[in-house]
Amino acid sequence: MGFYTELFVRPRPKEQVRYRAALALLNAMNSADRADIGIKPADFPRIAREMSTRQA
């Protein structure tokens, strides 16, 4: 039972927070913006992973 408590109490890695923010940003784009830069919704997870690993 202690394992489950530790699993849910542990802070999230910063990369996961940045991944979610990047994915939300990509999802917020309209289709015209996506067409301008040439990405498709299927590319979102890969692009969000790349965005989250970059250092600011």
Protein backbone atom coordinates (compact mmCIF):
# COMPACT_ATOMS: atom_id res chain seq x y z
CA MET A 1 0.00 0.00 0.00
CA GLY A 2 2.91 2.34 0.65
CA PHE A 3 3.97 2.04 -2.97
CA TYR A 4 0.69 3.52 -4.22
CA THR A 5 0.91 6.39 -1.74
CA GLU A 6 4.47 7.16 -2.85
CA LEU A 7 3.45 6.90 -6.50
CA PHE A 8 0.74 9.53 -6.20
CA VAL A 9 2.50 11.86 -3.76
CA ARG A 10 5.77 12.07 -5.69
CA PRO A 11 6.19 15.40 -7.56
CA ARG A 12 5.98 15.26 -11.34
CA PRO A 13 9.15 15.71 -13.34
CA LYS A 14 9.51 19.13 -14.96
CA GLU A 15 9.60 17.51 -18.39
CA GLN A 16 6.07 16.16 -17.91
CA VAL A 17 4.73 19.60 -17.01
CA ARG A 18 6.47 21.12 -20.02
CA TYR A 19 5.18 18.27 -22.24
CA ARG A 20 1.59 18.96 -21.20
CA ALA A 21 2.03 22.69 -21.80
CA ALA A 22 3.55 22.10 -25.24
CA LEU A 23 0.76 19.70 -26.17
CA ALA A 24 -1.86 22.22 -25.04
CA LEU A 25 -0.17 24.90 -27.14
CA LEU A 26 -0.18 22.67 -30.21
CA ASN A 27 -3.82 21.73 -29.69
CA ALA A 28 -4.77 25.40 -29.38
CA MET A 29 -3.46 26.20 -32.85
CA ASN A 30 -6.03 26.53 -35.60
CA SER A 31 -5.79 24.52 -38.81
CA ALA A 32 -4.49 27.46 -40.86
CA ASP A 33 -1.54 27.92 -38.47
CA ARG A 34 -0.82 24.20 -38.58
CA ALA A 35 -0.88 24.24 -42.38
CA ASP A 36 1.53 27.22 -42.44
CA ILE A 37 4.20 25.33 -40.53
CA GLY A 38 3.36 21.94 -42.03
CA ILE A 39 2.44 19.82 -39.03
CA LYS A 40 -0.40 17.36 -38.60
CA PRO A 41 -2.15 16.37 -35.35
CA ALA A 42 -0.45 12.97 -35.53
CA ASP A 43 2.89 14.79 -35.09
CA PHE A 44 1.83 16.54 -31.87
CA PRO A 45 3.20 13.99 -29.34
CA ARG A 46 6.62 13.89 -31.03
CA ILE A 47 6.84 17.66 -31.32
CA ALA A 48 5.68 18.15 -27.72
CA ARG A 49 8.35 15.70 -26.49
CA GLU A 50 11.01 17.63 -28.39
CA MET A 51 9.74 20.93 -27.01
CA SER A 52 9.72 19.63 -23.44
CA THR A 53 13.31 18.42 -23.51
CA ARG A 54 14.72 21.75 -24.71
CA GLN A 55 16.25 23.92 -22.04
CA ALA A 56 14.94 27.46 -21.78
